[in-house]
Amino acid sequence: MHHPASSAADLRARWPLPATEALRDELIEAYAHPERGYHDTTHLSEVLDRLDELAEQGTDYPRLAVVLAAWFHDGIYDGERDAEERSAHWAESALVGHVEPAVVAEVARLVRLTETHTPDDGDAAGCALSDADLAILAAPRDRYDEYVATVRQEFAHLDDEVFRAGRAAVLGSLGEKTTLFHTRWAREQWEAAARANLERELDGLLAVDAQQVG
């Protein structure tokens, strides 16, 4: 179901900075690392797709900074808590001299924001990137179930009980948000499907725990 080679080829054409192909290829190589589960080239491609969709549907955001932030947001992903921070540092060092300093700073800010997905309502760039990153929650059932399986793969070092508890906590905190999405289009088109997916997954986790207790 994942096709890293073909999606890597597709991704090359979507890189927004001419004459920085080495950086582009370094990022693609990071996302294509064989130990990645969910946070791979498919995820990056889907985030870029959702940003395109938001733009096509009238969501206004600073295109270059947000697209670059999408490329860098999981540039480093190894299960450690500070991965977003290290990804932001990568952007801060790698982009110098290729874009304006203000764009470098904005890309790093947006990458850091993907740790919490809590942009201010007036933060057009943050709202667009956060929504595109979380859009997987609204995916059709088969893609959502594949996403859940690849998340489990990334936490293969945890036993089932520990993983279920952690995952249930994540789903619970997401479910407590007033809204998962921040742009008009995402709220209208993705919110209900995402809530249904989260509820279905959480019910499944709790059912397993109930069986084990019983």
N, C-alpha and C. Protein backbone atom coordinates (compact mmCIF):
# COMPACT_ATOMS: atom_id res chain seq x y z
N MET A 1 0.82 -1.20 0.00
CA MET A 1 0.00 0.00 0.00
C MET A 1 0.86 1.26 0.00
N HIS A 2 2.01 1.18 0.65
CA HIS A 2 2.95 2.30 0.59
C HIS A 2 3.86 2.11 -0.61
N HIS A 3 4.13 3.16 -1.33
CA HIS A 3 5.01 3.09 -2.48
C HIS A 3 6.05 4.20 -2.38
N PRO A 4 7.01 4.06 -1.42
CA PRO A 4 7.96 5.15 -1.17
C PRO A 4 8.73 5.57 -2.41
N ALA A 5 9.08 4.62 -3.28
CA ALA A 5 9.88 4.98 -4.46
C ALA A 5 9.09 5.90 -5.38
N SER A 6 7.85 5.50 -5.69
CA SER A 6 7.05 6.31 -6.61
C SER A 6 6.68 7.64 -5.96
N SER A 7 6.34 7.61 -4.66
CA SER A 7 5.97 8.87 -4.04
C SER A 7 7.19 9.78 -3.89
N ALA A 8 8.38 9.21 -3.76
CA ALA A 8 9.59 10.03 -3.70
C ALA A 8 9.79 10.75 -5.03
N ALA A 9 9.54 10.03 -6.13
CA ALA A 9 9.67 10.66 -7.45
C ALA A 9 8.64 11.78 -7.61
N ASP A 10 7.43 11.53 -7.17
CA ASP A 10 6.39 12.55 -7.24
C ASP A 10 6.75 13.75 -6.38
N LEU A 11 7.30 13.47 -5.21
CA LEU A 11 7.64 14.55 -4.28
C LEU A 11 8.68 15.50 -4.85
N ARG A 12 9.62 14.98 -5.60
CA ARG A 12 10.70 15.84 -6.12
C ARG A 12 10.13 17.02 -6.90
N ALA A 13 9.04 16.78 -7.63
CA ALA A 13 8.44 17.84 -8.44
C ALA A 13 7.70 18.86 -7.58
N ARG A 14 7.47 18.54 -6.31
CA ARG A 14 6.66 19.42 -5.46
C ARG A 14 7.52 20.28 -4.52
N TRP A 15 8.80 20.13 -4.60
CA TRP A 15 9.72 20.92 -3.77
C TRP A 15 9.70 22.36 -4.27
N PRO A 16 9.53 23.36 -3.40
CA PRO A 16 9.28 24.72 -3.88
C PRO A 16 10.52 25.60 -4.10
N LEU A 17 11.71 25.09 -3.78
CA LEU A 17 12.91 25.93 -3.90
C LEU A 17 13.83 25.44 -5.01
N PRO A 18 13.92 26.17 -6.12
CA PRO A 18 14.86 25.79 -7.18
C PRO A 18 16.31 25.84 -6.67
N ALA A 19 17.15 25.04 -7.27
CA ALA A 19 18.59 25.03 -6.99
C ALA A 19 18.93 24.58 -5.58
N THR A 20 18.01 23.89 -4.91
CA THR A 20 18.32 23.30 -3.60
C THR A 20 17.93 21.81 -3.60
N GLU A 21 18.22 21.15 -4.72
CA GLU A 21 17.81 19.76 -4.87
C GLU A 21 18.47 18.84 -3.84
N ALA A 22 19.69 19.17 -3.42
CA ALA A 22 20.37 18.31 -2.43
C ALA A 22 19.59 18.30 -1.11
N LEU A 23 19.11 19.45 -0.70
CA LEU A 23 18.31 19.54 0.53
C LEU A 23 17.00 18.78 0.36
N ARG A 24 16.36 18.98 -0.78
CA ARG A 24 15.12 18.25 -1.07
C ARG A 24 15.33 16.74 -0.96
N ASP A 25 16.40 16.25 -1.58
CA ASP A 25 16.65 14.81 -1.59
C ASP A 25 17.00 14.30 -0.20
N GLU A 26 17.65 15.14 0.59
CA GLU A 26 17.98 14.76 1.98
C GLU A 26 16.70 14.60 2.80
N LEU A 27 15.76 15.49 2.59
CA LEU A 27 14.47 15.39 3.30
C LEU A 27 13.70 14.15 2.85
N ILE A 28 13.65 13.92 1.54
CA ILE A 28 12.93 12.74 1.04
C ILE A 28 13.56 11.47 1.60
N GLU A 29 14.89 11.44 1.64
CA GLU A 29 15.58 10.26 2.20
C GLU A 29 15.20 10.04 3.66
N ALA A 30 15.06 11.13 4.40
CA ALA A 30 14.68 11.02 5.81
C ALA A 30 13.27 10.42 5.95
N TYR A 31 12.34 10.92 5.16
CA TYR A 31 10.97 10.39 5.22
C TYR A 31 10.88 8.96 4.72
N ALA A 32 11.77 8.58 3.81
CA ALA A 32 11.74 7.24 3.21
C ALA A 32 12.52 6.21 4.03
N HIS A 33 13.05 6.60 5.17
CA HIS A 33 13.84 5.68 6.00
C HIS A 33 13.01 4.42 6.31
N PRO A 34 13.59 3.25 6.17
CA PRO A 34 12.81 2.00 6.34
C PRO A 34 12.20 1.82 7.73
N GLU A 35 12.74 2.50 8.73
CA GLU A 35 12.18 2.35 10.08
C GLU A 35 10.97 3.26 10.32
N ARG A 36 10.67 4.13 9.36
CA ARG A 36 9.48 4.97 9.50
C ARG A 36 8.23 4.09 9.34
N GLY A 37 7.21 4.42 10.12
CA GLY A 37 5.92 3.77 9.93
C GLY A 37 4.99 4.73 9.24
N TYR A 38 4.21 5.47 10.04
CA TYR A 38 3.27 6.42 9.46
C TYR A 38 3.95 7.66 8.88
N HIS A 39 4.97 8.16 9.56
CA HIS A 39 5.57 9.45 9.19
C HIS A 39 6.57 9.31 8.04
N ASP A 40 6.06 8.84 6.91
CA ASP A 40 6.92 8.51 5.77
C ASP A 40 6.61 9.42 4.59
N THR A 41 7.10 9.05 3.39
CA THR A 41 6.87 9.89 2.21
C THR A 41 5.39 9.98 1.86
N THR A 42 4.61 8.93 2.17
CA THR A 42 3.17 8.99 1.91
C THR A 42 2.52 10.07 2.76
N HIS A 43 2.92 10.14 4.01
CA HIS A 43 2.38 11.18 4.90
C HIS A 43 2.73 12.57 4.38
N LEU A 44 3.98 12.77 4.01
CA LEU A 44 4.39 14.07 3.49
C LEU A 44 3.57 14.43 2.25
N SER A 45 3.41 13.48 1.35
CA SER A 45 2.64 13.72 0.13
C SER A 45 1.19 14.06 0.45
N GLU A 46 0.61 13.37 1.42
CA GLU A 46 -0.78 13.64 1.79
C GLU A 46 -0.94 15.02 2.43
N VAL A 47 0.02 15.43 3.24
CA VAL A 47 -0.04 16.77 3.83
C VAL A 47 0.02 17.83 2.73
N LEU A 48 0.90 17.64 1.77
CA LEU A 48 0.98 18.58 0.64
C LEU A 48 -0.32 18.58 -0.17
N ASP A 49 -0.92 17.40 -0.35
CA ASP A 49 -2.21 17.31 -1.05
C ASP A 49 -3.29 18.11 -0.33
N ARG A 50 -3.33 17.98 1.00
CA ARG A 50 -4.36 18.67 1.77
C ARG A 50 -4.13 20.18 1.77
N LEU A 51 -2.86 20.61 1.76
CA LEU A 51 -2.58 22.05 1.63
C LEU A 51 -3.07 22.57 0.29
N ASP A 52 -2.86 21.78 -0.77
CA ASP A 52 -3.37 22.16 -2.09
C ASP A 52 -4.89 22.28 -2.06
N GLU A 53 -5.53 21.30 -1.42
CA GLU A 53 -6.99 21.30 -1.33
C GLU A 53 -7.49 22.53 -0.59
N LEU A 54 -6.87 22.86 0.52
CA LEU A 54 -7.28 24.04 1.29
C LEU A 54 -7.14 25.30 0.44
N ALA A 55 -6.03 25.42 -0.28
CA ALA A 55 -5.83 26.60 -1.13
C ALA A 55 -6.88 26.67 -2.23
N GLU A 56 -7.16 25.53 -2.83
CA GLU A 56 -8.15 25.49 -3.92
C GLU A 56 -9.55 25.87 -3.42
N GLN A 57 -9.80 25.61 -2.15
CA GLN A 57 -11.12 25.89 -1.58
C GLN A 57 -11.17 27.25 -0.88
N GLY A 58 -10.17 28.08 -1.15
CA GLY A 58 -10.24 29.46 -0.69
C GLY A 58 -9.55 29.78 0.62
N THR A 59 -8.83 28.80 1.17
CA THR A 59 -8.08 29.08 2.40
C THR A 59 -6.83 29.89 2.05
N ASP A 60 -6.70 31.06 2.65
CA ASP A 60 -5.59 31.96 2.33
C ASP A 60 -4.47 31.76 3.36
N TYR A 61 -3.29 31.40 2.89
CA TYR A 61 -2.15 31.25 3.80
C TYR A 61 -0.87 31.52 3.01
N PRO A 62 0.21 31.92 3.70
CA PRO A 62 1.48 32.18 3.00
C PRO A 62 2.09 30.89 2.46
N ARG A 63 2.00 30.73 1.17
CA ARG A 63 2.25 29.43 0.53
C ARG A 63 3.67 28.90 0.77
N LEU A 64 4.68 29.72 0.52
CA LEU A 64 6.05 29.21 0.59
C LEU A 64 6.39 28.73 1.99
N ALA A 65 6.12 29.54 2.99
CA ALA A 65 6.48 29.18 4.37
C ALA A 65 5.75 27.92 4.81
N VAL A 66 4.46 27.82 4.47
CA VAL A 66 3.67 26.67 4.93
C VAL A 66 4.11 25.39 4.21
N VAL A 67 4.36 25.48 2.92
CA VAL A 67 4.80 24.29 2.19
C VAL A 67 6.18 23.83 2.68
N LEU A 68 7.09 24.76 2.90
CA LEU A 68 8.40 24.39 3.45
C LEU A 68 8.26 23.78 4.85
N ALA A 69 7.37 24.33 5.65
CA ALA A 69 7.15 23.77 7.00
C ALA A 69 6.59 22.35 6.90
N ALA A 70 5.73 22.10 5.91
CA ALA A 70 5.22 20.75 5.72
C ALA A 70 6.37 19.79 5.40
N TRP A 71 7.28 20.22 4.56
CA TRP A 71 8.43 19.38 4.22
C TRP A 71 9.29 19.08 5.44
N PHE A 72 9.48 20.05 6.30
CA PHE A 72 10.39 19.87 7.44
C PHE A 72 9.71 19.31 8.69
N HIS A 73 8.37 19.31 8.76
CA HIS A 73 7.72 19.11 10.06
C HIS A 73 8.01 17.76 10.70
N ASP A 74 8.20 16.73 9.89
CA ASP A 74 8.62 15.42 10.40
C ASP A 74 9.97 15.02 9.80
N GLY A 75 10.77 16.03 9.45
CA GLY A 75 12.08 15.74 8.88
C GLY A 75 12.88 14.83 9.79
N ILE A 76 12.78 15.08 11.08
CA ILE A 76 13.35 14.18 12.09
C ILE A 76 12.20 13.55 12.84
N TYR A 77 12.13 12.24 12.81
CA TYR A 77 11.08 11.53 13.55
C TYR A 77 11.64 10.21 14.04
N ASP A 78 11.86 10.14 15.34
CA ASP A 78 12.44 8.91 15.91
C ASP A 78 11.75 8.51 17.21
N GLY A 79 10.54 9.04 17.42
CA GLY A 79 9.80 8.66 18.62
C GLY A 79 10.18 9.43 19.86
N GLU A 80 11.22 10.27 19.77
CA GLU A 80 11.61 11.07 20.93
C GLU A 80 10.76 12.35 20.98
N ARG A 81 10.59 12.88 22.19
CA ARG A 81 9.67 13.99 22.38
C ARG A 81 10.10 15.28 21.69
N ASP A 82 11.38 15.45 21.47
CA ASP A 82 11.85 16.73 20.93
C ASP A 82 12.08 16.68 19.42
N ALA A 83 11.44 15.74 18.74
CA ALA A 83 11.66 15.59 17.29
C ALA A 83 11.24 16.85 16.54
N GLU A 84 10.13 17.47 16.94
CA GLU A 84 9.70 18.70 16.26
C GLU A 84 10.73 19.81 16.44
N GLU A 85 11.27 19.90 17.63
CA GLU A 85 12.27 20.92 17.91
C GLU A 85 13.51 20.71 17.05
N ARG A 86 13.94 19.47 16.94
CA ARG A 86 15.12 19.17 16.11
C ARG A 86 14.83 19.37 14.62
N SER A 87 13.60 19.08 14.22
CA SER A 87 13.21 19.36 12.83
C SER A 87 13.23 20.86 12.55
N ALA A 88 12.77 21.65 13.53
CA ALA A 88 12.78 23.11 13.39
C ALA A 88 14.22 23.63 13.29
N HIS A 89 15.11 23.06 14.10
CA HIS A 89 16.52 23.45 14.03
C HIS A 89 17.11 23.13 12.66
N TRP A 90 16.73 21.99 12.11
CA TRP A 90 17.20 21.62 10.78
C TRP A 90 16.78 22.68 9.76
N ALA A 91 15.51 23.07 9.82
CA ALA A 91 15.01 24.11 8.90
C ALA A 91 15.78 25.42 9.09
N GLU A 92 16.01 25.78 10.36
CA GLU A 92 16.70 27.05 10.64
C GLU A 92 18.11 27.07 10.07
N SER A 93 18.78 25.93 10.08
CA SER A 93 20.15 25.90 9.56
C SER A 93 20.18 25.69 8.05
N ALA A 94 19.29 24.85 7.54
CA ALA A 94 19.37 24.45 6.13
C ALA A 94 18.82 25.51 5.18
N LEU A 95 17.89 26.33 5.63
CA LEU A 95 17.23 27.28 4.73
C LEU A 95 17.94 28.64 4.64
N VAL A 96 18.89 28.87 5.53
CA VAL A 96 19.58 30.16 5.51
C VAL A 96 20.24 30.38 4.15
N GLY A 97 20.00 31.56 3.58
CA GLY A 97 20.59 31.90 2.30
C GLY A 97 19.74 31.49 1.11
N HIS A 98 18.71 30.68 1.34
CA HIS A 98 17.84 30.22 0.25
C HIS A 98 16.51 30.97 0.23
N VAL A 99 16.06 31.44 1.40
CA VAL A 99 14.85 32.25 1.50
C VAL A 99 15.12 33.39 2.47
N GLU A 100 14.22 34.37 2.51
CA GLU A 100 14.38 35.51 3.40
C GLU A 100 14.43 35.03 4.86
N PRO A 101 15.20 35.74 5.71
CA PRO A 101 15.27 35.36 7.13
C PRO A 101 13.89 35.25 7.79
N ALA A 102 12.96 36.12 7.41
CA ALA A 102 11.62 36.06 8.01
C ALA A 102 10.92 34.75 7.64
N VAL A 103 11.17 34.24 6.44
CA VAL A 103 10.57 32.97 6.03
C VAL A 103 11.21 31.82 6.80
N VAL A 104 12.52 31.87 6.99
CA VAL A 104 13.21 30.84 7.79
C VAL A 104 12.59 30.78 9.19
N ALA A 105 12.41 31.94 9.81
CA ALA A 105 11.85 32.00 11.16
C ALA A 105 10.42 31.47 11.19
N GLU A 106 9.65 31.81 10.16
CA GLU A 106 8.26 31.36 10.11
C GLU A 106 8.17 29.85 9.90
N VAL A 107 9.02 29.30 9.05
CA VAL A 107 9.03 27.85 8.85
C VAL A 107 9.33 27.13 10.17
N ALA A 108 10.34 27.61 10.88
CA ALA A 108 10.70 26.98 12.16
C ALA A 108 9.56 27.10 13.17
N ARG A 109 8.90 28.25 13.22
CA ARG A 109 7.76 28.43 14.14
C ARG A 109 6.65 27.43 13.81
N LEU A 110 6.36 27.28 12.53
CA LEU A 110 5.29 26.37 12.12
C LEU A 110 5.63 24.92 12.42
N VAL A 111 6.88 24.53 12.20
CA VAL A 111 7.28 23.16 12.53
C VAL A 111 7.08 22.90 14.02
N ARG A 112 7.46 23.85 14.85
CA ARG A 112 7.28 23.68 16.30
C ARG A 112 5.79 23.56 16.66
N LEU A 113 4.96 24.25 15.91
CA LEU A 113 3.52 24.24 16.18
C LEU A 113 2.90 22.86 15.96
N THR A 114 3.52 22.04 15.10
CA THR A 114 2.95 20.72 14.84
C THR A 114 3.09 19.77 16.02
N GLU A 115 3.80 20.19 17.06
CA GLU A 115 3.87 19.36 18.26
C GLU A 115 2.53 19.38 19.00
N THR A 116 1.84 20.53 18.97
CA THR A 116 0.60 20.68 19.75
C THR A 116 -0.65 20.84 18.89
N HIS A 117 -0.49 21.31 17.64
CA HIS A 117 -1.64 21.57 16.77
C HIS A 117 -2.64 22.52 17.43
N THR A 118 -2.12 23.57 18.05
CA THR A 118 -3.00 24.55 18.70
C THR A 118 -2.70 25.97 18.20
N PRO A 119 -2.93 26.22 16.91
CA PRO A 119 -2.69 27.57 16.39
C PRO A 119 -3.76 28.55 16.89
N ASP A 120 -3.41 29.80 17.00
CA ASP A 120 -4.40 30.83 17.28
C ASP A 120 -5.32 30.97 16.08
N ASP A 121 -6.55 31.41 16.33
CA ASP A 121 -7.51 31.54 15.23
C ASP A 121 -7.02 32.47 14.13
N GLY A 122 -6.24 33.48 14.51
CA GLY A 122 -5.76 34.44 13.54
C GLY A 122 -4.47 34.03 12.83
N ASP A 123 -3.98 32.87 13.16
CA ASP A 123 -2.71 32.36 12.58
C ASP A 123 -3.03 31.55 11.33
N ALA A 124 -3.15 32.24 10.20
CA ALA A 124 -3.58 31.56 8.96
C ALA A 124 -2.63 30.44 8.57
N ALA A 125 -1.33 30.70 8.69
CA ALA A 125 -0.33 29.69 8.32
C ALA A 125 -0.42 28.48 9.26
N GLY A 126 -0.50 28.75 10.55
CA GLY A 126 -0.57 27.67 11.53
C GLY A 126 -1.84 26.85 11.40
N CYS A 127 -2.95 27.51 11.13
CA CYS A 127 -4.22 26.79 10.97
C CYS A 127 -4.18 25.87 9.75
N ALA A 128 -3.62 26.37 8.65
CA ALA A 128 -3.55 25.56 7.43
C ALA A 128 -2.65 24.34 7.63
N LEU A 129 -1.47 24.54 8.21
CA LEU A 129 -0.55 23.41 8.39
C LEU A 129 -1.09 22.41 9.39
N SER A 130 -1.64 22.88 10.50
CA SER A 130 -2.20 21.99 11.50
C SER A 130 -3.31 21.13 10.91
N ASP A 131 -4.20 21.77 10.14
CA ASP A 131 -5.32 21.03 9.54
C ASP A 131 -4.82 20.00 8.53
N ALA A 132 -3.87 20.37 7.70
CA ALA A 132 -3.34 19.44 6.71
C ALA A 132 -2.65 18.25 7.38
N ASP A 133 -1.96 18.51 8.49
CA ASP A 133 -1.24 17.45 9.21
C ASP A 133 -2.21 16.48 9.87
N LEU A 134 -3.34 16.99 10.37
CA LEU A 134 -4.32 16.15 11.07
C LEU A 134 -5.41 15.61 10.15
N ALA A 135 -5.36 15.96 8.88
CA ALA A 135 -6.42 15.54 7.95
C ALA A 135 -6.54 14.02 7.84
N ILE A 136 -5.48 13.29 8.15
CA ILE A 136 -5.53 11.82 8.13
C ILE A 136 -6.64 11.31 9.02
N LEU A 137 -6.98 12.07 10.05
CA LEU A 137 -8.03 11.63 10.98
C LEU A 137 -9.38 11.51 10.28
N ALA A 138 -9.54 12.23 9.18
CA ALA A 138 -10.80 12.21 8.44
C ALA A 138 -10.75 11.29 7.22
N ALA A 139 -9.71 10.48 7.11
CA ALA A 139 -9.53 9.64 5.93
C ALA A 139 -10.63 8.59 5.84
N PRO A 140 -10.85 8.05 4.63
CA PRO A 140 -11.77 6.90 4.50
C PRO A 140 -11.31 5.76 5.40
N ARG A 141 -12.25 4.89 5.74
CA ARG A 141 -11.99 3.87 6.76
C ARG A 141 -10.74 3.03 6.48
N ASP A 142 -10.55 2.58 5.24
CA ASP A 142 -9.41 1.71 4.97
C ASP A 142 -8.09 2.46 5.14
N ARG A 143 -8.03 3.72 4.71
CA ARG A 143 -6.80 4.50 4.88
C ARG A 143 -6.59 4.83 6.35
N TYR A 144 -7.66 5.12 7.07
CA TYR A 144 -7.52 5.39 8.51
C TYR A 144 -6.98 4.16 9.23
N ASP A 145 -7.51 2.99 8.91
CA ASP A 145 -7.05 1.77 9.57
C ASP A 145 -5.58 1.47 9.23
N GLU A 146 -5.18 1.79 7.99
CA GLU A 146 -3.78 1.64 7.62
C GLU A 146 -2.91 2.60 8.43
N TYR A 147 -3.39 3.83 8.59
CA TYR A 147 -2.69 4.83 9.42
C TYR A 147 -2.49 4.31 10.84
N VAL A 148 -3.55 3.76 11.44
CA VAL A 148 -3.45 3.23 12.80
C VAL A 148 -2.41 2.12 12.87
N ALA A 149 -2.41 1.24 11.87
CA ALA A 149 -1.45 0.13 11.85
C ALA A 149 -0.02 0.63 11.74
N THR A 150 0.21 1.68 10.95
CA THR A 150 1.58 2.18 10.79
C THR A 150 2.02 2.99 12.01
N VAL A 151 1.07 3.60 12.72
CA VAL A 151 1.42 4.23 14.01
C VAL A 151 1.86 3.14 14.99
N ARG A 152 1.14 2.03 15.02
CA ARG A 152 1.51 0.92 15.91
C ARG A 152 2.91 0.43 15.58
N GLN A 153 3.23 0.38 14.30
CA GLN A 153 4.55 -0.06 13.83
C GLN A 153 5.65 0.85 14.40
N GLU A 154 5.37 2.15 14.48
CA GLU A 154 6.37 3.09 15.00
C GLU A 154 6.59 2.92 16.50
N PHE A 155 5.64 2.28 17.16
CA PHE A 155 5.79 2.04 18.60
C PHE A 155 5.90 0.54 18.88
N ALA A 156 6.56 -0.16 17.98
CA ALA A 156 6.69 -1.61 18.10
C ALA A 156 7.44 -2.02 19.37
N HIS A 157 8.22 -1.09 19.93
CA HIS A 157 8.98 -1.40 21.14
C HIS A 157 8.10 -1.44 22.39
N LEU A 158 6.85 -0.98 22.27
CA LEU A 158 5.93 -1.01 23.41
C LEU A 158 5.04 -2.25 23.33
N ASP A 159 4.73 -2.83 24.50
CA ASP A 159 3.81 -3.97 24.45
C ASP A 159 2.38 -3.45 24.23
N ASP A 160 1.48 -4.36 23.88
CA ASP A 160 0.14 -3.97 23.46
C ASP A 160 -0.59 -3.16 24.52
N GLU A 161 -0.48 -3.57 25.77
CA GLU A 161 -1.22 -2.89 26.83
C GLU A 161 -0.74 -1.45 27.01
N VAL A 162 0.57 -1.26 27.01
CA VAL A 162 1.14 0.09 27.15
C VAL A 162 0.76 0.95 25.95
N PHE A 163 0.85 0.36 24.75
CA PHE A 163 0.49 1.12 23.56
C PHE A 163 -0.97 1.53 23.59
N ARG A 164 -1.86 0.59 23.94
CA ARG A 164 -3.30 0.91 23.95
C ARG A 164 -3.59 2.04 24.92
N ALA A 165 -2.95 2.01 26.08
CA ALA A 165 -3.18 3.06 27.08
C ALA A 165 -2.71 4.42 26.55
N GLY A 166 -1.54 4.43 25.93
CA GLY A 166 -1.02 5.68 25.39
C GLY A 166 -1.85 6.20 24.24
N ARG A 167 -2.24 5.29 23.36
CA ARG A 167 -3.05 5.68 22.20
C ARG A 167 -4.42 6.20 22.65
N ALA A 168 -5.02 5.52 23.64
CA ALA A 168 -6.32 5.96 24.14
C ALA A 168 -6.23 7.36 24.74
N ALA A 169 -5.10 7.66 25.40
CA ALA A 169 -4.90 8.99 25.98
C ALA A 169 -4.80 10.04 24.87
N VAL A 170 -4.09 9.71 23.79
CA VAL A 170 -3.97 10.64 22.66
C VAL A 170 -5.34 10.89 22.04
N LEU A 171 -6.08 9.81 21.80
CA LEU A 171 -7.41 9.95 21.19
C LEU A 171 -8.35 10.73 22.09
N GLY A 172 -8.24 10.48 23.39
CA GLY A 172 -9.09 11.19 24.34
C GLY A 172 -8.82 12.68 24.34
N SER A 173 -7.54 13.05 24.30
CA SER A 173 -7.20 14.48 24.31
C SER A 173 -7.63 15.15 23.01
N LEU A 174 -7.52 14.43 21.89
CA LEU A 174 -8.01 14.98 20.63
C LEU A 174 -9.52 15.18 20.68
N GLY A 175 -10.19 14.20 21.22
CA GLY A 175 -11.65 14.26 21.29
C GLY A 175 -12.17 15.39 22.16
N GLU A 176 -11.34 15.81 23.12
CA GLU A 176 -11.76 16.89 24.03
C GLU A 176 -11.63 18.27 23.40
N LYS A 177 -10.93 18.36 22.26
CA LYS A 177 -10.79 19.66 21.60
C LYS A 177 -12.16 20.16 21.15
N THR A 178 -12.36 21.46 21.28
CA THR A 178 -13.61 22.04 20.80
C THR A 178 -13.80 21.75 19.33
N THR A 179 -12.73 21.89 18.58
CA THR A 179 -12.72 21.52 17.16
C THR A 179 -11.34 20.98 16.82
N LEU A 180 -11.31 19.93 16.01
CA LEU A 180 -10.03 19.36 15.60
C LEU A 180 -9.36 20.24 14.56
N PHE A 181 -10.19 20.91 13.77
CA PHE A 181 -9.69 21.68 12.63
C PHE A 181 -9.98 23.17 12.80
N HIS A 182 -9.21 23.99 12.10
CA HIS A 182 -9.23 25.43 12.33
C HIS A 182 -9.64 26.25 11.12
N THR A 183 -9.53 25.68 9.93
CA THR A 183 -9.96 26.41 8.73
C THR A 183 -11.41 26.07 8.42
N ARG A 184 -12.08 26.97 7.73
CA ARG A 184 -13.50 26.77 7.43
C ARG A 184 -13.72 25.47 6.64
N TRP A 185 -12.92 25.28 5.58
CA TRP A 185 -13.11 24.10 4.73
C TRP A 185 -12.92 22.81 5.53
N ALA A 186 -11.88 22.76 6.34
CA ALA A 186 -11.60 21.53 7.10
C ALA A 186 -12.70 21.24 8.11
N ARG A 187 -13.20 22.28 8.75
CA ARG A 187 -14.28 22.07 9.71
C ARG A 187 -15.52 21.54 9.01
N GLU A 188 -15.82 22.09 7.86
CA GLU A 188 -17.02 21.68 7.13
C GLU A 188 -16.89 20.29 6.53
N GLN A 189 -15.70 19.96 6.03
CA GLN A 189 -15.53 18.74 5.25
C GLN A 189 -14.90 17.58 6.01
N TRP A 190 -14.11 17.86 7.03
CA TRP A 190 -13.32 16.81 7.67
C TRP A 190 -13.72 16.52 9.12
N GLU A 191 -14.30 17.49 9.80
CA GLU A 191 -14.51 17.35 11.25
C GLU A 191 -15.37 16.13 11.60
N ALA A 192 -16.53 15.98 10.96
CA ALA A 192 -17.44 14.89 11.32
C ALA A 192 -16.81 13.53 11.07
N ALA A 193 -16.15 13.38 9.92
CA ALA A 193 -15.51 12.09 9.60
C ALA A 193 -14.39 11.78 10.58
N ALA A 194 -13.63 12.79 10.96
CA ALA A 194 -12.54 12.59 11.92
C ALA A 194 -13.08 12.16 13.28
N ARG A 195 -14.14 12.82 13.73
CA ARG A 195 -14.74 12.45 15.02
C ARG A 195 -15.21 11.00 15.00
N ALA A 196 -15.81 10.59 13.88
CA ALA A 196 -16.31 9.22 13.77
C ALA A 196 -15.16 8.22 13.80
N ASN A 197 -14.08 8.51 13.11
CA ASN A 197 -12.92 7.63 13.12
C ASN A 197 -12.31 7.51 14.51
N LEU A 198 -12.14 8.65 15.18
CA LEU A 198 -11.57 8.64 16.53
C LEU A 198 -12.43 7.83 17.48
N GLU A 199 -13.74 8.02 17.39
CA GLU A 199 -14.66 7.31 18.28
C GLU A 199 -14.60 5.81 18.03
N ARG A 200 -14.56 5.43 16.75
CA ARG A 200 -14.51 4.01 16.40
C ARG A 200 -13.22 3.38 16.90
N GLU A 201 -12.09 4.08 16.73
CA GLU A 201 -10.83 3.51 17.19
C GLU A 201 -10.79 3.41 18.71
N LEU A 202 -11.25 4.45 19.38
CA LEU A 202 -11.25 4.44 20.85
C LEU A 202 -12.15 3.34 21.39
N ASP A 203 -13.33 3.17 20.79
CA ASP A 203 -14.24 2.09 21.21
C ASP A 203 -13.56 0.74 21.08
N GLY A 204 -12.79 0.55 20.00
CA GLY A 204 -12.08 -0.70 19.78
C GLY A 204 -11.03 -0.95 20.85
N LEU A 205 -10.28 0.10 21.21
CA LEU A 205 -9.25 -0.03 22.26
C LEU A 205 -9.89 -0.38 23.60
N LEU A 206 -10.97 0.30 23.93
CA LEU A 206 -11.62 0.06 25.21
C LEU A 206 -12.27 -1.32 25.27
N ALA A 207 -12.76 -1.80 24.11
CA ALA A 207 -13.37 -3.12 24.06
C ALA A 207 -12.33 -4.21 24.35
N VAL A 208 -11.12 -4.04 23.81
CA VAL A 208 -10.05 -5.01 24.08
C VAL A 208 -9.72 -5.02 25.56
N ASP A 209 -9.59 -3.81 26.15
CA ASP A 209 -9.29 -3.75 27.58
C ASP A 209 -10.39 -4.39 28.41
N ALA A 210 -11.63 -4.17 28.03
CA ALA A 210 -12.76 -4.73 28.77
C ALA A 210 -12.75 -6.26 28.70
N GLN A 211 -12.40 -6.79 27.53
CA GLN A 211 -12.32 -8.24 27.37
C GLN A 211 -11.25 -8.82 28.28
N GLN A 212 -10.13 -8.12 28.37
CA GLN A 212 -9.00 -8.63 29.16
C GLN A 212 -9.32 -8.59 30.65
N VAL A 213 -10.03 -7.53 31.06
CA VAL A 213 -10.43 -7.43 32.47
C VAL A 213 -11.44 -8.55 32.78
N GLY A 214 -12.36 -8.76 31.83
CA GLY A 214 -13.39 -9.78 32.02
C GLY A 214 -12.76 -11.16 32.07
